[in-house]
Each structure stands twice: as C-alpha cells, then as structure tokens.
Amino acid sequence: MRPWLVFLHRYVGLAIAGFLVIAGLTGSALAFQSELDEWLNPDLFHVDGAQPPLSPSRLAARIEQAYPQVDIFSILPPAQGGDSIILFVGAKAGHGSLDYDEIFVDPANGSILGKRMNGAFRLDRAHLIPFVYRLHYTLTLPGNWGAWLMGGVALAWMLDCFVGFYLTLPRGRPFWKKWKPIWTIKQGAGSYRLNLDLHRASGLWLWAVLFLLALSGASLNLNSELFRPVLSALLPTSSRIFDQPIPPKPPTMSFDWDDALAKARTEAVRRGWDRPVALIYADRAHGFYMVRFGRDHEPGFGASNIFVSGTDGRTLSVEEAGGGKAGDMVASLMLPIHSGQVAGLPGRILICITGLVVTLLSVTGVYVWWKKRLARTSRRETRNPLAQLGKANIHAAE
C-alpha cells in the first residue's frame, strides 16, 4: 500500500503544485484584502470631513438620476466617518453593458469619487486587489470553469493532506523516536535534505490549518455543486431563501432602500443584535432586500443577514451567524476559517503565513521530485553500459 500512496502523493502534488503556488501567494495578500485595497486607493475609500451621510434611497436616487443606465443592486454604507459609500451596479435592461460595476461615492453629497470593474485585469492600483481576488478564486477563467477547477484542486489537496501525513509515519519501533526527526530541520544539511525537511516539517506543523484551508476552499468554490448537498445529507440544514425558484414575473418592490433598512434594523433590535449595517442588497428577481449586519474581519462566525420583502416589508428569513441548525453553523464557518477572521487578527496573520507555507510546500515538493528523478535516471544509465557508450560517443564527436 505504501508504494501506491507514494505514487499518489507524488503525482497529485505535481499536478496541483502550480495552482497551489498561485492560491498561496494570492491568499497571503487577501488575508488583508480590505486594508491593502484602501491603502492603495485612499481616493476611492476615504473622503475629507465626516458630514452626515445621505440616506441610501436619496443617494441611490441621485446616482440613478445622473446615470440613468445604471441599476444599483448593492449599497455598502460607510464603516465610519470619513469613509466612502460603495455601490455595486449593473446596466439596466436595454442599455447595453457598462465598463464598471463599482461606484465610490461621497456619502454627504453623492458626488462620484471613482469607478472600477471588479476583477478586471487593468494595470492600475484601483484594479489590483480585486484582480488578485479573482485570480485566487477563479484563475480569471470565464464562467464557472475557474471556480470549478480551483474547487477540484482543493479537493485533491484535501486528499493529499491525509496521504502526506500518513507517509511521514515511521515504519517499525520505537515510533516516537523515529517520528521526531521528521518534525525538525537538520542543521548543515545539503540542498536536497534541506528541501525534504522543509517539505515534511512545515507540512506537519501546519497540517490542521492546511487541511482546513483545503476543506473551506472546496466548500466555497463548489458550494451548491457539492458542499451543500453533502452537508445536507450528513447534518440538518435550513432551506435558503436564495434557493427558492424565481417567479416568472418579477415582483413589484414598493419598499425602497430606506424602508428595507428600517425594517431590518427593527428586527435586529428585537433580536438583540448590536452590529453595524455592512451591506444592503436588492434581489429584484425574487423581490426582497438582504441587509447584512457585521463588518469584514470581525472575529467569529461572520456576518448575519435579515431578508425583508420588497412588496410589504415582512421579515422573510433570518441567517444569524453561528445560529440555526448544525449544518448551518458548519456552513457559516467556512468563509471565516478560509479568511482567518474566525480568530480575528491573529487568525488572519496565520492565514497570511500559511499561504506562504503552501508556496514553500509546492516548491520544495517539486524540487525533491526533480532531484529523485535525476538520481533514478543516473542509476539507470550507470546500470546500462550501452547508454554510457552512447553518451561517450556523443562527447567524442563533439
């Protein structure tokens, strides 16, 4: 069995190494995605002064009046005084397409600070971090292909975590005495031994984090295709409002942004929530608003959502972070684990470091395979006199 597992670990690792280098390096940066984006683009994220913001409905009305082709579907209120408001937009029916999908707005007067196309490859600082995120998540491949590919890589990586761990276990006794050196890096070793020790020791010390990153990555990329069906089969889960069929005729949403926000805040107070509003999203196809409570990178289970009917203001559904059935709790943990925010700033630092370790594991693994391959080739040639004679003739001809 062990030779077969060695074969599996070797070639699965080689197949996914390049993808893991990209995922590791981009993931390290994305552990501090918001901070890096704001640092690179202060002109988009910050405004002078801290005047009272316009209400979401008034702000949306001003933007749609200035840009009649724009359909606003998400509003991100300012986190604090001096922050801009971010609008996620699309083109209204009959207006073609837009070359941007984010608008940054001064919350006090509705003036436009800037626009960008989230995830587009453009050589400027405004688009850098969103592009890094898209590269991490989809390799910038079109449609769902990139997400499926990286989800498949995560599944293979998750399997390889177990295989790699098993291969570190020593054969024979005393077990602990033989296993202990594998957790360490030999001082003064040559390049091959150094790379082998780095590969084994770093993988062992961070094994649990690496496995959780692989699991959460697969769950996020293959959520509806694989993760949710498997989770629902194993644990009780609640039905999700987004999974409801879209009505043939879109409902008329008589409630506006301000109405939905007021209704959601009332429900949040009733439930004892004391968290800021992070996002208001209008799903016009289903006819509801989603109001998210809880900012990015808060420790714990992440944000909570309240869904409000756009036709009569009823509370349709509530997704409370860390609440619901057992399956809901597991599902809500996947993004906080993957980003590190489940443990706050220390968790994000750990994810940043682990992303670099993933790159190290990939590079050292390929190096160890390459050196072993050279050694095997050399041994075969040594045992084959004809090969040696042929090589000598070539050198003589030169």
Foldseek 3Di string as FASTA:
>chain_A
DLVVLVVLLQVLLLVCLVLLLLLLQLLLVCLCLVVLLCVLCVLQFFDPWFDDFDAPVVLVVVVCVVPVQKDWFKWFDRPGGGTWIKTAIWGDPPNPGDQFGIWTAHRHPNDTSDTHHQLDDDPGSNHPSSVSVCCNQFVPDPDLNRLVVQLVSLVSQLVSLVSLVVSLFDPDDPRCVSNVCLLDADPPDDPLSRLSSLLRNLCVVCSVLSNLLSVLSNCVSCVVPPVVVVLVVVWPDDDDPVPDDFDPDFDDQPADPNLLVVLVVVVCVVVVDDFDWGMWGADRRRQWIKIWGHDPLAAALGIKIWIAGRHPGDTDDIQHRCDDTPSSNVSSNSVCSNSLSNHGPVRSNVSSVVSVSSSSNSVSSVVNVVVVVVVVVVVVCVVDVVSVVVVVVVVVVD
